[in-house]
Amino acid sequence: EIIPMREWHRDIKFEFNNPVYLSIDMDCLDPGFAPGVSHYEPGGFTPRDVISIIQGVKGLIVGADIVEVNPKRDHHGMTASVGAKFLKEILDRMING
């Protein structure tokens, strides 16, 4: 399901009857949180927004990917650290439901 950014709000919940494959594109984040991407999205999501989405998905998450990381643009590894946090949250959902 695709929801345009202008229609997104924190209270949206995603509910699926079938298995879910979650794909997180790191350039959806505000560059203050994820400078290591190829395309910046000023005013984008915060890490807390994305974690809330991960935790709020109603359905069985069977797989996931985290894409659009460009380490050449992130000399301090902040983007990878945020991505690792997302991975931890996704794995928790996959293991504990």
N, C-alpha and C. Protein backbone atom coordinates (compact mmCIF):
# COMPACT_ATOMS: atom_id res chain seq x y z
N GLU A 1 0.85 -1.17 0.00
CA GLU A 1 0.00 0.00 0.00
C GLU A 1 0.89 1.23 0.00
N ILE A 2 0.57 2.20 -0.82
CA ILE A 2 1.34 3.44 -0.91
C ILE A 2 0.47 4.58 -0.41
N ILE A 3 1.02 5.34 0.53
CA ILE A 3 0.32 6.51 1.06
C ILE A 3 1.20 7.73 0.78
N PRO A 4 0.71 8.70 0.00
CA PRO A 4 1.51 9.90 -0.26
C PRO A 4 1.86 10.61 1.05
N MET A 5 3.03 11.19 1.11
CA MET A 5 3.52 11.85 2.32
C MET A 5 2.52 12.89 2.82
N ARG A 6 1.88 13.62 1.92
CA ARG A 6 0.94 14.67 2.34
C ARG A 6 -0.29 14.10 3.04
N GLU A 7 -0.57 12.79 2.84
CA GLU A 7 -1.72 12.15 3.47
C GLU A 7 -1.34 11.35 4.71
N TRP A 8 -0.04 11.21 4.97
CA TRP A 8 0.41 10.40 6.09
C TRP A 8 0.27 11.17 7.40
N HIS A 9 -0.15 10.47 8.45
CA HIS A 9 -0.15 11.03 9.79
C HIS A 9 0.17 9.91 10.77
N ARG A 10 0.62 10.27 11.94
CA ARG A 10 1.12 9.30 12.92
C ARG A 10 0.09 8.26 13.36
N ASP A 11 -1.17 8.54 13.19
CA ASP A 11 -2.21 7.62 13.67
C ASP A 11 -2.59 6.55 12.65
N ILE A 12 -2.02 6.61 11.44
CA ILE A 12 -2.33 5.59 10.43
C ILE A 12 -1.79 4.25 10.90
N LYS A 13 -2.63 3.23 10.80
CA LYS A 13 -2.22 1.86 11.13
C LYS A 13 -2.37 1.01 9.88
N PHE A 14 -1.43 0.12 9.68
CA PHE A 14 -1.46 -0.76 8.53
C PHE A 14 -1.84 -2.16 8.99
N GLU A 15 -2.89 -2.72 8.38
CA GLU A 15 -3.34 -4.05 8.76
C GLU A 15 -3.41 -4.91 7.50
N PHE A 16 -2.77 -6.08 7.57
CA PHE A 16 -2.69 -6.97 6.42
C PHE A 16 -3.17 -8.36 6.81
N ASN A 17 -3.88 -9.02 5.90
CA ASN A 17 -4.33 -10.39 6.13
C ASN A 17 -3.31 -11.40 5.63
N ASN A 18 -2.41 -10.97 4.77
CA ASN A 18 -1.39 -11.84 4.19
C ASN A 18 -0.04 -11.52 4.80
N PRO A 19 0.96 -12.39 4.59
CA PRO A 19 2.31 -12.09 5.09
C PRO A 19 2.81 -10.75 4.54
N VAL A 20 3.63 -10.07 5.33
CA VAL A 20 4.13 -8.73 5.00
C VAL A 20 5.63 -8.78 4.76
N TYR A 21 6.06 -8.17 3.66
CA TYR A 21 7.48 -7.92 3.41
C TYR A 21 7.66 -6.42 3.55
N LEU A 22 8.49 -6.00 4.48
CA LEU A 22 8.67 -4.59 4.79
C LEU A 22 9.95 -4.07 4.15
N SER A 23 9.86 -3.00 3.39
CA SER A 23 11.03 -2.39 2.76
C SER A 23 11.17 -0.95 3.27
N ILE A 24 12.32 -0.66 3.85
CA ILE A 24 12.57 0.69 4.38
C ILE A 24 13.63 1.36 3.52
N ASP A 25 13.25 2.46 2.91
CA ASP A 25 14.13 3.26 2.09
C ASP A 25 14.67 4.38 2.98
N MET A 26 15.95 4.34 3.29
CA MET A 26 16.52 5.26 4.28
C MET A 26 16.45 6.73 3.87
N ASP A 27 16.28 7.00 2.57
CA ASP A 27 16.19 8.41 2.20
C ASP A 27 14.79 8.99 2.44
N CYS A 28 13.91 8.22 3.10
CA CYS A 28 12.64 8.80 3.55
C CYS A 28 12.85 9.64 4.82
N LEU A 29 14.02 9.48 5.45
CA LEU A 29 14.31 10.18 6.70
C LEU A 29 14.83 11.59 6.43
N ASP A 30 14.56 12.48 7.36
CA ASP A 30 15.15 13.81 7.32
C ASP A 30 16.68 13.66 7.35
N PRO A 31 17.43 14.42 6.54
CA PRO A 31 18.88 14.26 6.50
C PRO A 31 19.59 14.53 7.83
N GLY A 32 18.93 15.19 8.75
CA GLY A 32 19.52 15.37 10.07
C GLY A 32 19.68 14.05 10.82
N PHE A 33 18.88 13.06 10.44
CA PHE A 33 18.94 11.74 11.06
C PHE A 33 19.65 10.72 10.19
N ALA A 34 19.67 10.94 8.87
CA ALA A 34 20.27 9.98 7.94
C ALA A 34 20.98 10.72 6.81
N PRO A 35 22.19 11.24 7.09
CA PRO A 35 22.91 11.97 6.05
C PRO A 35 23.52 11.06 4.98
N GLY A 36 23.62 9.77 5.26
CA GLY A 36 24.27 8.85 4.34
C GLY A 36 23.33 8.24 3.33
N VAL A 37 22.68 9.08 2.54
CA VAL A 37 21.79 8.62 1.47
C VAL A 37 22.11 9.41 0.21
N SER A 38 21.65 8.92 -0.92
CA SER A 38 21.93 9.61 -2.19
C SER A 38 20.96 10.75 -2.47
N HIS A 39 19.74 10.65 -1.94
CA HIS A 39 18.73 11.68 -2.18
C HIS A 39 18.18 12.16 -0.84
N TYR A 40 18.39 13.41 -0.52
CA TYR A 40 17.92 13.96 0.75
C TYR A 40 16.43 14.30 0.68
N GLU A 41 15.76 14.12 1.81
CA GLU A 41 14.33 14.44 1.93
C GLU A 41 14.13 15.38 3.12
N PRO A 42 14.46 16.69 2.95
CA PRO A 42 14.25 17.62 4.06
C PRO A 42 12.80 17.57 4.54
N GLY A 43 12.63 17.54 5.84
CA GLY A 43 11.29 17.43 6.40
C GLY A 43 10.76 16.01 6.39
N GLY A 44 11.64 15.05 6.13
CA GLY A 44 11.22 13.64 6.08
C GLY A 44 10.93 13.09 7.47
N PHE A 45 10.76 11.78 7.50
CA PHE A 45 10.45 11.09 8.75
C PHE A 45 11.57 11.22 9.77
N THR A 46 11.23 11.07 11.02
CA THR A 46 12.23 10.90 12.08
C THR A 46 12.38 9.40 12.31
N PRO A 47 13.46 8.96 12.94
CA PRO A 47 13.57 7.53 13.28
C PRO A 47 12.39 7.06 14.13
N ARG A 48 11.91 7.89 15.04
CA ARG A 48 10.77 7.51 15.87
C ARG A 48 9.52 7.27 15.02
N ASP A 49 9.32 8.07 13.96
CA ASP A 49 8.19 7.84 13.05
C ASP A 49 8.26 6.45 12.44
N VAL A 50 9.44 6.09 11.94
CA VAL A 50 9.61 4.80 11.27
C VAL A 50 9.46 3.65 12.26
N ILE A 51 10.01 3.80 13.45
CA ILE A 51 9.86 2.76 14.48
C ILE A 51 8.38 2.58 14.83
N SER A 52 7.64 3.67 14.92
CA SER A 52 6.20 3.58 15.19
C SER A 52 5.48 2.83 14.08
N ILE A 53 5.88 3.06 12.84
CA ILE A 53 5.28 2.34 11.72
C ILE A 53 5.59 0.85 11.83
N ILE A 54 6.86 0.51 12.09
CA ILE A 54 7.25 -0.90 12.22
C ILE A 54 6.44 -1.57 13.33
N GLN A 55 6.37 -0.92 14.47
CA GLN A 55 5.65 -1.50 15.61
C GLN A 55 4.15 -1.54 15.38
N GLY A 56 3.64 -0.66 14.53
CA GLY A 56 2.21 -0.58 14.32
C GLY A 56 1.65 -1.45 13.21
N VAL A 57 2.53 -2.11 12.44
CA VAL A 57 2.05 -2.98 11.36
C VAL A 57 1.31 -4.16 11.97
N LYS A 58 0.06 -4.34 11.56
CA LYS A 58 -0.74 -5.48 12.01
C LYS A 58 -0.66 -6.54 10.93
N GLY A 59 0.04 -7.60 11.20
CA GLY A 59 0.22 -8.68 10.24
C GLY A 59 1.55 -9.36 10.50
N LEU A 60 1.74 -10.50 9.87
CA LEU A 60 2.95 -11.30 10.05
C LEU A 60 4.05 -10.78 9.13
N ILE A 61 5.09 -10.20 9.70
CA ILE A 61 6.23 -9.74 8.92
C ILE A 61 7.13 -10.94 8.66
N VAL A 62 7.30 -11.30 7.38
CA VAL A 62 8.07 -12.49 7.02
C VAL A 62 9.44 -12.15 6.43
N GLY A 63 9.66 -10.89 6.11
CA GLY A 63 10.94 -10.48 5.55
C GLY A 63 11.00 -8.97 5.47
N ALA A 64 12.21 -8.47 5.25
CA ALA A 64 12.39 -7.02 5.18
C ALA A 64 13.71 -6.69 4.52
N ASP A 65 13.81 -5.47 4.04
CA ASP A 65 15.09 -4.95 3.61
C ASP A 65 15.19 -3.48 4.00
N ILE A 66 16.43 -3.03 4.08
CA ILE A 66 16.72 -1.62 4.37
C ILE A 66 17.65 -1.17 3.26
N VAL A 67 17.20 -0.20 2.47
CA VAL A 67 17.93 0.19 1.26
C VAL A 67 18.22 1.69 1.24
N GLU A 68 18.98 2.09 0.22
CA GLU A 68 19.34 3.48 -0.02
C GLU A 68 20.26 4.06 1.04
N VAL A 69 21.27 3.28 1.42
CA VAL A 69 22.31 3.77 2.32
C VAL A 69 23.55 4.04 1.48
N ASN A 70 24.13 5.23 1.60
CA ASN A 70 25.33 5.60 0.88
C ASN A 70 26.39 6.03 1.90
N PRO A 71 27.24 5.08 2.35
CA PRO A 71 28.21 5.40 3.41
C PRO A 71 29.21 6.49 3.02
N LYS A 72 29.41 6.74 1.74
CA LYS A 72 30.33 7.79 1.31
C LYS A 72 29.84 9.18 1.71
N ARG A 73 28.55 9.30 1.99
CA ARG A 73 27.99 10.60 2.37
C ARG A 73 27.77 10.72 3.87
N ASP A 74 28.22 9.72 4.61
CA ASP A 74 28.00 9.70 6.07
C ASP A 74 29.29 9.29 6.76
N HIS A 75 30.10 10.27 7.09
CA HIS A 75 31.42 10.00 7.65
C HIS A 75 31.40 9.55 9.10
N HIS A 76 30.28 9.67 9.76
CA HIS A 76 30.18 9.28 11.17
C HIS A 76 29.33 8.03 11.39
N GLY A 77 28.80 7.46 10.32
CA GLY A 77 28.04 6.22 10.43
C GLY A 77 26.66 6.35 11.06
N MET A 78 26.14 7.56 11.11
CA MET A 78 24.84 7.77 11.75
C MET A 78 23.72 7.02 11.01
N THR A 79 23.75 7.04 9.69
CA THR A 79 22.70 6.38 8.91
C THR A 79 22.71 4.88 9.15
N ALA A 80 23.89 4.28 9.19
CA ALA A 80 23.99 2.84 9.46
C ALA A 80 23.50 2.53 10.87
N SER A 81 23.77 3.40 11.82
CA SER A 81 23.29 3.19 13.20
C SER A 81 21.77 3.23 13.26
N VAL A 82 21.17 4.17 12.56
CA VAL A 82 19.71 4.25 12.53
C VAL A 82 19.15 3.02 11.82
N GLY A 83 19.78 2.60 10.73
CA GLY A 83 19.34 1.40 10.02
C GLY A 83 19.44 0.16 10.90
N ALA A 84 20.50 0.07 11.71
CA ALA A 84 20.64 -1.06 12.64
C ALA A 84 19.52 -1.06 13.68
N LYS A 85 19.13 0.11 14.14
CA LYS A 85 18.00 0.21 15.08
C LYS A 85 16.72 -0.28 14.42
N PHE A 86 16.50 0.12 13.16
CA PHE A 86 15.32 -0.36 12.44
C PHE A 86 15.36 -1.88 12.30
N LEU A 87 16.53 -2.42 11.97
CA LEU A 87 16.67 -3.88 11.84
C LEU A 87 16.32 -4.58 13.14
N LYS A 88 16.80 -4.04 14.25
CA LYS A 88 16.48 -4.62 15.57
C LYS A 88 14.97 -4.63 15.80
N GLU A 89 14.31 -3.52 15.47
CA GLU A 89 12.86 -3.43 15.66
C GLU A 89 12.12 -4.41 14.75
N ILE A 90 12.59 -4.55 13.51
CA ILE A 90 11.96 -5.49 12.57
C ILE A 90 12.13 -6.93 13.06
N LEU A 91 13.35 -7.28 13.48
CA LEU A 91 13.60 -8.64 13.97
C LEU A 91 12.77 -8.94 15.21
N ASP A 92 12.62 -7.96 16.09
CA ASP A 92 11.78 -8.15 17.26
C ASP A 92 10.34 -8.49 16.85
N ARG A 93 9.83 -7.75 15.87
CA ARG A 93 8.46 -8.02 15.38
C ARG A 93 8.37 -9.40 14.74
N MET A 94 9.41 -9.80 13.99
CA MET A 94 9.38 -11.09 13.32
C MET A 94 9.43 -12.24 14.33
N ILE A 95 10.20 -12.07 15.38
CA ILE A 95 10.37 -13.13 16.39
C ILE A 95 9.21 -13.15 17.38
N ASN A 96 8.84 -11.98 17.86
CA ASN A 96 7.85 -11.89 18.94
C ASN A 96 6.44 -11.52 18.48
N GLY A 97 6.31 -11.19 17.21
CA GLY A 97 4.98 -10.88 16.68
C GLY A 97 4.44 -9.56 16.98
